[in-house]
Amino acid sequence: MRGSAPEGCPSWRAWGRRSLASFTPEFKAEIVELCRRGDRSVGQVAKDFDLTETAVRERVNRPRSTRASVRV
């Protein structure tokens, strides 16, 4: 199945990229700010921090009121 970890693999993180779930709210806010500045694309920020582009994009597009209270 596409997107799922291979059998016996503890998580998809073994494939190299990380989600934002394990980071502090401060770090997540910094990632959002870097994307909103406009000098780097979401994809470039994700690559620079070894994060999944989808997780970063979802965090950036999330309404401000829910960013701090809900984990990605």
PDB file of N, CA and C in Angstrom:
ATOM      1  N   MET A   1       0.839  -1.178   0.000  1.00  0.00           N
ATOM      2  CA  MET A   1       0.000   0.000   0.000  1.00  0.00           C
ATOM      3  C   MET A   1       0.885   1.242   0.000  1.00  0.00           C
ATOM      4  N   ARG A   2       0.581   2.177  -0.866  1.00  0.00           N
ATOM      5  CA  ARG A   2       1.388   3.385  -0.986  1.00  0.00           C
ATOM      6  C   ARG A   2       1.271   4.237   0.278  1.00  0.00           C
ATOM      7  N   GLY A   3       2.422   4.698   0.788  1.00  0.00           N
ATOM      8  CA  GLY A   3       2.433   5.573   1.942  1.00  0.00           C
ATOM      9  C   GLY A   3       2.528   4.867   3.279  1.00  0.00           C
ATOM     10  N   SER A   4       2.366   3.564   3.284  1.00  0.00           N
ATOM     11  CA  SER A   4       2.480   2.854   4.552  1.00  0.00           C
ATOM     12  C   SER A   4       3.872   2.247   4.674  1.00  0.00           C
ATOM     13  N   ALA A   5       4.264   1.965   5.890  1.00  0.00           N
ATOM     14  CA  ALA A   5       5.588   1.408   6.142  1.00  0.00           C
ATOM     15  C   ALA A   5       5.655  -0.038   5.673  1.00  0.00           C
ATOM     16  N   PRO A   6       6.825  -0.459   5.227  1.00  0.00           N
ATOM     17  CA  PRO A   6       6.991  -1.856   4.838  1.00  0.00           C
ATOM     18  C   PRO A   6       6.756  -2.774   6.034  1.00  0.00           C
ATOM     19  N   GLU A   7       6.351  -3.994   5.764  1.00  0.00           N
ATOM     20  CA  GLU A   7       6.113  -4.952   6.839  1.00  0.00           C
ATOM     21  C   GLU A   7       7.371  -5.104   7.680  1.00  0.00           C
ATOM     22  N   GLY A   8       7.198  -5.052   9.004  1.00  0.00           N
ATOM     23  CA  GLY A   8       8.321  -5.165   9.912  1.00  0.00           C
ATOM     24  C   GLY A   8       9.007  -3.842  10.227  1.00  0.00           C
ATOM     25  N   CYS A   9       8.669  -2.802   9.506  1.00  0.00           N
ATOM     26  CA  CYS A   9       9.254  -1.490   9.739  1.00  0.00           C
ATOM     27  C   CYS A   9       8.429  -0.776  10.799  1.00  0.00           C
ATOM     28  N   PRO A  10       9.050  -0.278  11.881  1.00  0.00           N
ATOM     29  CA  PRO A  10       8.289   0.323  12.972  1.00  0.00           C
ATOM     30  C   PRO A  10       7.544   1.588  12.584  1.00  0.00           C
ATOM     31  N   SER A  11       8.017   2.327  11.605  1.00  0.00           N
ATOM     32  CA  SER A  11       7.297   3.525  11.175  1.00  0.00           C
ATOM     33  C   SER A  11       7.831   3.980   9.832  1.00  0.00           C
ATOM     34  N   TRP A  12       7.068   4.851   9.177  1.00  0.00           N
ATOM     35  CA  TRP A  12       7.522   5.400   7.897  1.00  0.00           C
ATOM     36  C   TRP A  12       8.730   6.310   8.084  1.00  0.00           C
ATOM     37  N   ARG A  13       8.999   6.743   9.308  1.00  0.00           N
ATOM     38  CA  ARG A  13      10.135   7.636   9.555  1.00  0.00           C
ATOM     39  C   ARG A  13      11.454   6.980   9.172  1.00  0.00           C
ATOM     40  N   ALA A  14      11.477   5.674   9.113  1.00  0.00           N
ATOM     41  CA  ALA A  14      12.689   4.979   8.697  1.00  0.00           C
ATOM     42  C   ALA A  14      13.037   5.342   7.253  1.00  0.00           C
ATOM     43  N   TRP A  15      12.099   5.908   6.524  1.00  0.00           N
ATOM     44  CA  TRP A  15      12.348   6.300   5.141  1.00  0.00           C
ATOM     45  C   TRP A  15      13.085   7.623   5.059  1.00  0.00           C
ATOM     46  N   GLY A  16      13.252   8.333   6.159  1.00  0.00           N
ATOM     47  CA  GLY A  16      14.099   9.506   6.149  1.00  0.00           C
ATOM     48  C   GLY A  16      13.467  10.808   6.590  1.00  0.00           C
ATOM     49  N   ARG A  17      12.270  11.134   6.188  1.00  0.00           N
ATOM     50  CA  ARG A  17      11.662  12.417   6.542  1.00  0.00           C
ATOM     51  C   ARG A  17      10.857  12.288   7.817  1.00  0.00           C
ATOM     52  N   ARG A  18      10.707  13.413   8.544  1.00  0.00           N
ATOM     53  CA  ARG A  18       9.984  13.407   9.807  1.00  0.00           C
ATOM     54  C   ARG A  18       8.727  14.258   9.693  1.00  0.00           C
ATOM     55  N   SER A  19       7.703  13.911  10.466  1.00  0.00           N
ATOM     56  CA  SER A  19       6.523  14.757  10.554  1.00  0.00           C
ATOM     57  C   SER A  19       6.787  15.808  11.621  1.00  0.00           C
ATOM     58  N   LEU A  20       5.862  16.721  11.803  1.00  0.00           N
ATOM     59  CA  LEU A  20       6.029  17.762  12.822  1.00  0.00           C
ATOM     60  C   LEU A  20       5.486  17.335  14.178  1.00  0.00           C
ATOM     61  N   ALA A  21       4.921  16.153  14.275  1.00  0.00           N
ATOM     62  CA  ALA A  21       4.259  15.723  15.508  1.00  0.00           C
ATOM     63  C   ALA A  21       5.168  15.711  16.729  1.00  0.00           C
ATOM     64  N   SER A  22       6.431  15.451  16.548  1.00  0.00           N
ATOM     65  CA  SER A  22       7.329  15.292  17.692  1.00  0.00           C
ATOM     66  C   SER A  22       8.054  16.579  18.102  1.00  0.00           C
ATOM     67  N   PHE A  23       7.675  17.707  17.522  1.00  0.00           N
ATOM     68  CA  PHE A  23       8.375  18.957  17.807  1.00  0.00           C
ATOM     69  C   PHE A  23       7.566  19.888  18.697  1.00  0.00           C
ATOM     70  N   THR A  24       8.257  20.833  19.319  1.00  0.00           N
ATOM     71  CA  THR A  24       7.607  21.784  20.234  1.00  0.00           C
ATOM     72  C   THR A  24       6.750  22.784  19.449  1.00  0.00           C
ATOM     73  N   PRO A  25       5.763  23.371  20.101  1.00  0.00           N
ATOM     74  CA  PRO A  25       4.952  24.408  19.451  1.00  0.00           C
ATOM     75  C   PRO A  25       5.812  25.582  18.964  1.00  0.00           C
ATOM     76  N   GLU A  26       6.870  25.907  19.679  1.00  0.00           N
ATOM     77  CA  GLU A  26       7.759  26.997  19.283  1.00  0.00           C
ATOM     78  C   GLU A  26       8.471  26.682  17.960  1.00  0.00           C
ATOM     79  N   PHE A  27       8.934  25.454  17.832  1.00  0.00           N
ATOM     80  CA  PHE A  27       9.598  25.042  16.591  1.00  0.00           C
ATOM     81  C   PHE A  27       8.612  25.075  15.433  1.00  0.00           C
ATOM     82  N   LYS A  28       7.397  24.573  15.665  1.00  0.00           N
ATOM     83  CA  LYS A  28       6.374  24.583  14.621  1.00  0.00           C
ATOM     84  C   LYS A  28       6.049  26.006  14.182  1.00  0.00           C
ATOM     85  N   ALA A  29       5.970  26.927  15.138  1.00  0.00           N
ATOM     86  CA  ALA A  29       5.700  28.334  14.819  1.00  0.00           C
ATOM     87  C   ALA A  29       6.838  28.920  13.980  1.00  0.00           C
ATOM     88  N   GLU A  30       8.064  28.527  14.301  1.00  0.00           N
ATOM     89  CA  GLU A  30       9.216  29.010  13.542  1.00  0.00           C
ATOM     90  C   GLU A  30       9.153  28.508  12.100  1.00  0.00           C
ATOM     91  N   ILE A  31       8.776  27.255  11.913  1.00  0.00           N
ATOM     92  CA  ILE A  31       8.650  26.681  10.574  1.00  0.00           C
ATOM     93  C   ILE A  31       7.599  27.450   9.776  1.00  0.00           C
ATOM     94  N   VAL A  32       6.451  27.730  10.405  1.00  0.00           N
ATOM     95  CA  VAL A  32       5.389  28.482   9.737  1.00  0.00           C
ATOM     96  C   VAL A  32       5.898  29.873   9.347  1.00  0.00           C
ATOM     97  N   GLU A  33       6.593  30.531  10.252  1.00  0.00           N
ATOM     98  CA  GLU A  33       7.114  31.874   9.980  1.00  0.00           C
ATOM     99  C   GLU A  33       8.094  31.854   8.808  1.00  0.00           C
ATOM    100  N   LEU A  34       8.958  30.868   8.760  1.00  0.00           N
ATOM    101  CA  LEU A  34       9.908  30.763   7.650  1.00  0.00           C
ATOM    102  C   LEU A  34       9.185  30.637   6.315  1.00  0.00           C
ATOM    103  N   CYS A  35       8.109  29.875   6.298  1.00  0.00           N
ATOM    104  CA  CYS A  35       7.335  29.696   5.067  1.00  0.00           C
ATOM    105  C   CYS A  35       6.590  30.968   4.692  1.00  0.00           C
ATOM    106  N   ARG A  36       6.062  31.661   5.669  1.00  0.00           N
ATOM    107  CA  ARG A  36       5.263  32.868   5.404  1.00  0.00           C
ATOM    108  C   ARG A  36       6.111  34.067   4.980  1.00  0.00           C
ATOM    109  N   ARG A  37       7.381  34.075   5.351  1.00  0.00           N
ATOM    110  CA  ARG A  37       8.266  35.178   4.944  1.00  0.00           C
ATOM    111  C   ARG A  37       8.363  35.281   3.423  1.00  0.00           C
ATOM    112  N   GLY A  38       8.335  34.132   2.767  1.00  0.00           N
ATOM    113  CA  GLY A  38       8.350  34.116   1.313  1.00  0.00           C
ATOM    114  C   GLY A  38       9.705  34.001   0.662  1.00  0.00           C
ATOM    115  N   ASP A  39      10.776  33.977   1.443  1.00  0.00           N
ATOM    116  CA  ASP A  39      12.096  33.862   0.819  1.00  0.00           C
ATOM    117  C   ASP A  39      12.459  32.411   0.500  1.00  0.00           C
ATOM    118  N   ARG A  40      11.704  31.463   1.050  1.00  0.00           N
ATOM    119  CA  ARG A  40      11.883  30.039   0.749  1.00  0.00           C
ATOM    120  C   ARG A  40      10.515  29.410   0.544  1.00  0.00           C
ATOM    121  N   SER A  41      10.439  28.442  -0.327  1.00  0.00           N
ATOM    122  CA  SER A  41       9.182  27.734  -0.560  1.00  0.00           C
ATOM    123  C   SER A  41       8.933  26.755   0.592  1.00  0.00           C
ATOM    124  N   VAL A  42       7.696  26.297   0.685  1.00  0.00           N
ATOM    125  CA  VAL A  42       7.360  25.286   1.690  1.00  0.00           C
ATOM    126  C   VAL A  42       8.231  24.052   1.476  1.00  0.00           C
ATOM    127  N   GLY A  43       8.388  23.661   0.238  1.00  0.00           N
ATOM    128  CA  GLY A  43       9.226  22.503  -0.065  1.00  0.00           C
ATOM    129  C   GLY A  43      10.660  22.676   0.373  1.00  0.00           C
ATOM    130  N   GLN A  44      11.195  23.878   0.191  1.00  0.00           N
ATOM    131  CA  GLN A  44      12.583  24.143   0.591  1.00  0.00           C
ATOM    132  C   GLN A  44      12.725  24.134   2.107  1.00  0.00           C
ATOM    133  N   VAL A  45      11.770  24.723   2.824  1.00  0.00           N
ATOM    134  CA  VAL A  45      11.812  24.704   4.290  1.00  0.00           C
ATOM    135  C   VAL A  45      11.745  23.259   4.776  1.00  0.00           C
ATOM    136  N   ALA A  46      10.840  22.472   4.200  1.00  0.00           N
ATOM    137  CA  ALA A  46      10.722  21.061   4.588  1.00  0.00           C
ATOM    138  C   ALA A  46      12.040  20.329   4.353  1.00  0.00           C
ATOM    139  N   LYS A  47      12.636  20.549   3.213  1.00  0.00           N
ATOM    140  CA  LYS A  47      13.910  19.896   2.890  1.00  0.00           C
ATOM    141  C   LYS A  47      15.015  20.345   3.849  1.00  0.00           C
ATOM    142  N   ASP A  48      15.081  21.648   4.114  1.00  0.00           N
ATOM    143  CA  ASP A  48      16.122  22.189   4.998  1.00  0.00           C
ATOM    144  C   ASP A  48      16.064  21.594   6.402  1.00  0.00           C
ATOM    145  N   PHE A  49      14.852  21.284   6.871  1.00  0.00           N
ATOM    146  CA  PHE A  49      14.681  20.755   8.229  1.00  0.00           C
ATOM    147  C   PHE A  49      14.390  19.255   8.249  1.00  0.00           C
ATOM    148  N   ASP A  50      14.529  18.598   7.091  1.00  0.00           N
ATOM    149  CA  ASP A  50      14.289  17.160   6.975  1.00  0.00           C
ATOM    150  C   ASP A  50      12.885  16.786   7.462  1.00  0.00           C
ATOM    151  N   LEU A  51      11.883  17.548   6.997  1.00  0.00           N
ATOM    152  CA  LEU A  51      10.490  17.319   7.353  1.00  0.00           C
ATOM    153  C   LEU A  51       9.716  16.932   6.100  1.00  0.00           C
ATOM    154  N   THR A  52       8.534  16.352   6.300  1.00  0.00           N
ATOM    155  CA  THR A  52       7.701  16.057   5.146  1.00  0.00           C
ATOM    156  C   THR A  52       7.063  17.349   4.658  1.00  0.00           C
ATOM    157  N   GLU A  53       7.038  17.526   3.350  1.00  0.00           N
ATOM    158  CA  GLU A  53       6.442  18.732   2.779  1.00  0.00           C
ATOM    159  C   GLU A  53       4.951  18.807   3.109  1.00  0.00           C
ATOM    160  N   THR A  54       4.285  17.670   3.117  1.00  0.00           N
ATOM    161  CA  THR A  54       2.851  17.648   3.431  1.00  0.00           C
ATOM    162  C   THR A  54       2.590  18.162   4.838  1.00  0.00           C
ATOM    163  N   ALA A  55       3.373  17.721   5.808  1.00  0.00           N
ATOM    164  CA  ALA A  55       3.179  18.162   7.192  1.00  0.00           C
ATOM    165  C   ALA A  55       3.409  19.662   7.322  1.00  0.00           C
ATOM    166  N   VAL A  56       4.435  20.168   6.651  1.00  0.00           N
ATOM    167  CA  VAL A  56       4.722  21.603   6.720  1.00  0.00           C
ATOM    168  C   VAL A  56       3.598  22.388   6.047  1.00  0.00           C
ATOM    169  N   ARG A  57       3.168  21.939   4.880  1.00  0.00           N
ATOM    170  CA  ARG A  57       2.108  22.635   4.150  1.00  0.00           C
ATOM    171  C   ARG A  57       0.808  22.652   4.961  1.00  0.00           C
ATOM    172  N   GLU A  58       0.467  21.531   5.588  1.00  0.00           N
ATOM    173  CA  GLU A  58      -0.745  21.479   6.412  1.00  0.00           C
ATOM    174  C   GLU A  58      -0.638  22.418   7.604  1.00  0.00           C
ATOM    175  N   ARG A  59       0.534  22.506   8.195  1.00  0.00           N
ATOM    176  CA  ARG A  59       0.737  23.402   9.337  1.00  0.00           C
ATOM    177  C   ARG A  59       0.604  24.862   8.904  1.00  0.00           C
ATOM    178  N   VAL A  60       1.179  25.207   7.771  1.00  0.00           N
ATOM    179  CA  VAL A  60       1.110  26.578   7.261  1.00  0.00           C
ATOM    180  C   VAL A  60      -0.330  26.960   6.914  1.00  0.00           C
ATOM    181  N   ASN A  61      -1.073  26.028   6.353  1.00  0.00           N
ATOM    182  CA  ASN A  61      -2.443  26.313   5.920  1.00  0.00           C
ATOM    183  C   ASN A  61      -3.479  26.209   7.029  1.00  0.00           C
ATOM    184  N   ARG A  62      -3.081  25.703   8.186  1.00  0.00           N
ATOM    185  CA  ARG A  62      -4.007  25.550   9.316  1.00  0.00           C
ATOM    186  C   ARG A  62      -4.391  26.935   9.851  1.00  0.00           C
ATOM    187  N   PRO A  63      -5.663  27.126  10.198  1.00  0.00           N
ATOM    188  CA  PRO A  63      -6.057  28.406  10.806  1.00  0.00           C
ATOM    189  C   PRO A  63      -5.230  28.688  12.060  1.00  0.00           C
ATOM    190  N   ARG A  64      -4.856  29.944  12.246  1.00  0.00           N
ATOM    191  CA  ARG A  64      -3.974  30.342  13.353  1.00  0.00           C
ATOM    192  C   ARG A  64      -4.506  29.877  14.706  1.00  0.00           C
ATOM    193  N   SER A  65      -5.814  29.919  14.905  1.00  0.00           N
ATOM    194  CA  SER A  65      -6.400  29.571  16.215  1.00  0.00           C
ATOM    195  C   SER A  65      -6.202  28.112  16.575  1.00  0.00           C
ATOM    196  N   THR A  66      -5.981  27.237  15.600  1.00  0.00           N
ATOM    197  CA  THR A  66      -5.821  25.810  15.908  1.00  0.00           C
ATOM    198  C   THR A  66      -4.373  25.339  15.819  1.00  0.00           C
ATOM    199  N   ARG A  67      -3.466  26.182  15.369  1.00  0.00           N
ATOM    200  CA  ARG A  67      -2.079  25.741  15.211  1.00  0.00           C
ATOM    201  C   ARG A  67      -1.431  25.291  16.494  1.00  0.00           C
ATOM    202  N   ALA A  68      -1.624  26.016  17.569  1.00  0.00           N
ATOM    203  CA  ALA A  68      -0.930  25.699  18.823  1.00  0.00           C
ATOM    204  C   ALA A  68      -1.592  24.553  19.567  1.00  0.00           C
ATOM    205  N   SER A  69      -2.875  24.346  19.376  1.00  0.00           N
ATOM    206  CA  SER A  69      -3.567  23.369  20.202  1.00  0.00           C
ATOM    207  C   SER A  69      -3.684  21.989  19.589  1.00  0.00           C
ATOM    208  N   VAL A  70      -3.492  21.840  18.292  1.00  0.00           N
ATOM    209  CA  VAL A  70      -3.663  20.553  17.632  1.00  0.00           C
ATOM    210  C   VAL A  70      -2.348  20.109  17.038  1.00  0.00           C
ATOM    211  N   ARG A  71      -2.000  18.865  17.281  1.00  0.00           N
ATOM    212  CA  ARG A  71      -0.744  18.336  16.753  1.00  0.00           C
ATOM    213  C   ARG A  71      -0.900  17.922  15.312  1.00  0.00           C
ATOM    214  N   VAL A  72       0.191  18.032  14.552  1.00  0.00           N
ATOM    215  CA  VAL A  72       0.197  17.560  13.156  1.00  0.00           C
ATOM    216  C   VAL A  72       0.557  16.107  13.174  1.00  0.00           C
TER     217      VAL A  72
END
